Every structure is written in structure tokens, then in C-alpha cells.
């Protein structure tokens, strides 16, 4: 059974992760994406590699396309 409380304490609740989540949420708002619409905000240059939330670095893509991308 998955321990969500422990997972939050050890990873999702860390200041760096909270900041990254806020950036991802901001990108969705900039692209006017809604929950359940099947789209995600794609950062052409990932946040993890120094990308930003500037309009030129964002695009709306399907879940399948965005999840296929890798930070490798």
C-alpha cells in the first residue's frame, strides 16, 4: 500500500518540489489549460534543465506526447 503521507514528507513537501509544482501550475494557467482536458503544458526546455515559464518555452500538448519526453 502506498504511503502518501510519507511520500509527501520525503519528497513532494520539500521546498524545491513545492517551487517546481508552482511553476508547473503557473504554466497551465498561462496556456489556459483545464483539468481533464487531456492536455499538459510542455516546457520545450525543461524546468529541470534551466527552462522558464516564458511563453516562447511553453506549448500545449497531449498527455501521451508530453509523458513520452524525457529529461535525459
C-alpha atoms as a PDB file:
ATOM      1  CA  UNK A   1       0.000   0.000   0.000  1.00  0.00           C
ATOM      2  CA  UNK A   2       1.305   3.433  -0.943  1.00  0.00           C
ATOM      3  CA  UNK A   3       2.115   5.746   1.970  1.00  0.00           C
ATOM      4  CA  UNK A   4       1.167   9.189   0.620  1.00  0.00           C
ATOM      5  CA  UNK A   5       1.955  10.994   3.867  1.00  0.00           C
ATOM      6  CA  UNK A   6       5.495   9.604   3.940  1.00  0.00           C
ATOM      7  CA  UNK A   7       5.935  10.335   0.223  1.00  0.00           C
ATOM      8  CA  UNK A   8       4.898  13.966   0.778  1.00  0.00           C
ATOM      9  CA  UNK A   9       7.203  14.361   3.766  1.00  0.00           C
ATOM     10  CA  UNK A  10      10.187  12.851   1.971  1.00  0.00           C
ATOM     11  CA  UNK A  11       9.742  14.359  -1.498  1.00  0.00           C
ATOM     12  CA  UNK A  12       6.676  16.384  -2.500  1.00  0.00           C
ATOM     13  CA  UNK A  13       6.775  18.574   0.614  1.00  0.00           C
ATOM     14  CA  UNK A  14      10.348  19.752   0.109  1.00  0.00           C
ATOM     15  CA  UNK A  15      10.730  23.464  -0.687  1.00  0.00           C
ATOM     16  CA  UNK A  16      12.346  22.771  -4.080  1.00  0.00           C
ATOM     17  CA  UNK A  17       9.472  20.495  -5.148  1.00  0.00           C
ATOM     18  CA  UNK A  18       6.846  22.945  -3.939  1.00  0.00           C
ATOM     19  CA  UNK A  19       8.503  25.678  -6.023  1.00  0.00           C
ATOM     20  CA  UNK A  20       8.659  23.421  -9.113  1.00  0.00           C
ATOM     21  CA  UNK A  21       4.981  22.449  -8.708  1.00  0.00           C
ATOM     22  CA  UNK A  22       4.041  26.123  -8.503  1.00  0.00           C
ATOM     23  CA  UNK A  23       5.905  26.744 -11.776  1.00  0.00           C
ATOM     24  CA  UNK A  24       4.070  23.864 -13.481  1.00  0.00           C
ATOM     25  CA  UNK A  25       0.705  25.159 -12.232  1.00  0.00           C
ATOM     26  CA  UNK A  26       1.578  28.644 -13.474  1.00  0.00           C
ATOM     27  CA  UNK A  27       2.409  27.245 -16.931  1.00  0.00           C
ATOM     28  CA  UNK A  28      -1.034  25.565 -17.110  1.00  0.00           C
ATOM     29  CA  UNK A  29      -2.716  28.866 -16.243  1.00  0.00           C
ATOM     30  CA  UNK A  30      -0.719  30.754 -18.880  1.00  0.00           C
ATOM     31  CA  UNK A  31      -1.863  28.287 -21.551  1.00  0.00           C
ATOM     32  CA  UNK A  32      -5.486  28.331 -20.284  1.00  0.00           C
ATOM     33  CA  UNK A  33      -5.487  24.558 -19.757  1.00  0.00           C
ATOM     34  CA  UNK A  34      -8.128  22.959 -17.558  1.00  0.00           C
ATOM     35  CA  UNK A  35      -8.140  19.729 -15.564  1.00  0.00           C
ATOM     36  CA  UNK A  36      -9.416  16.797 -17.574  1.00  0.00           C
ATOM     37  CA  UNK A  37      -8.883  18.385 -20.978  1.00  0.00           C
ATOM     38  CA  UNK A  38      -6.249  15.798 -21.953  1.00  0.00           C
ATOM     39  CA  UNK A  39      -3.573  18.448 -22.436  1.00  0.00           C
ATOM     40  CA  UNK A  40      -0.460  19.338 -20.490  1.00  0.00           C
ATOM     41  CA  UNK A  41       1.886  22.311 -20.513  1.00  0.00           C
ATOM     42  CA  UNK A  42       5.101  21.232 -22.197  1.00  0.00           C
ATOM     43  CA  UNK A  43       8.281  23.128 -21.467  1.00  0.00           C
ATOM     44  CA  UNK A  44      10.407  22.952 -24.611  1.00  0.00           C
ATOM     45  CA  UNK A  45      13.462  23.351 -22.358  1.00  0.00           C
ATOM     46  CA  UNK A  46      12.538  21.511 -19.131  1.00  0.00           C
ATOM     47  CA  UNK A  47      12.459  23.385 -15.831  1.00  0.00           C
ATOM     48  CA  UNK A  48      14.936  20.813 -14.515  1.00  0.00           C
ATOM     49  CA  UNK A  49      17.433  21.956 -17.146  1.00  0.00           C
ATOM     50  CA  UNK A  50      17.019  25.669 -16.556  1.00  0.00           C
ATOM     51  CA  UNK A  51      13.902  26.280 -18.647  1.00  0.00           C
ATOM     52  CA  UNK A  52      11.459  29.044 -17.801  1.00  0.00           C
ATOM     53  CA  UNK A  53       7.734  29.731 -17.972  1.00  0.00           C
ATOM     54  CA  UNK A  54       8.141  32.301 -20.719  1.00  0.00           C
ATOM     55  CA  UNK A  55       5.558  31.971 -23.486  1.00  0.00           C
ATOM     56  CA  UNK A  56       8.229  31.015 -26.046  1.00  0.00           C
ATOM     57  CA  UNK A  57       9.212  27.988 -23.908  1.00  0.00           C
ATOM     58  CA  UNK A  58       5.636  26.686 -23.443  1.00  0.00           C
ATOM     59  CA  UNK A  59       3.250  24.748 -25.628  1.00  0.00           C
ATOM     60  CA  UNK A  60       0.104  22.709 -25.009  1.00  0.00           C
ATOM     61  CA  UNK A  61       0.473  19.048 -25.967  1.00  0.00           C
ATOM     62  CA  UNK A  62      -1.417  15.834 -25.291  1.00  0.00           C
ATOM     63  CA  UNK A  63      -0.639  13.822 -22.182  1.00  0.00           C
ATOM     64  CA  UNK A  64       0.761  10.998 -24.313  1.00  0.00           C
ATOM     65  CA  UNK A  65       3.209  13.261 -26.155  1.00  0.00           C
ATOM     66  CA  UNK A  66       4.397  15.049 -23.016  1.00  0.00           C
ATOM     67  CA  UNK A  67       4.859  11.884 -20.947  1.00  0.00           C
ATOM     68  CA  UNK A  68       6.919  10.338 -23.756  1.00  0.00           C
ATOM     69  CA  UNK A  69       9.516  13.108 -23.396  1.00  0.00           C
ATOM     70  CA  UNK A  70      12.425  12.500 -21.069  1.00  0.00           C
ATOM     71  CA  UNK A  71      14.846  14.731 -19.189  1.00  0.00           C
ATOM     72  CA  UNK A  72      17.756  12.502 -20.150  1.00  0.00           C
END
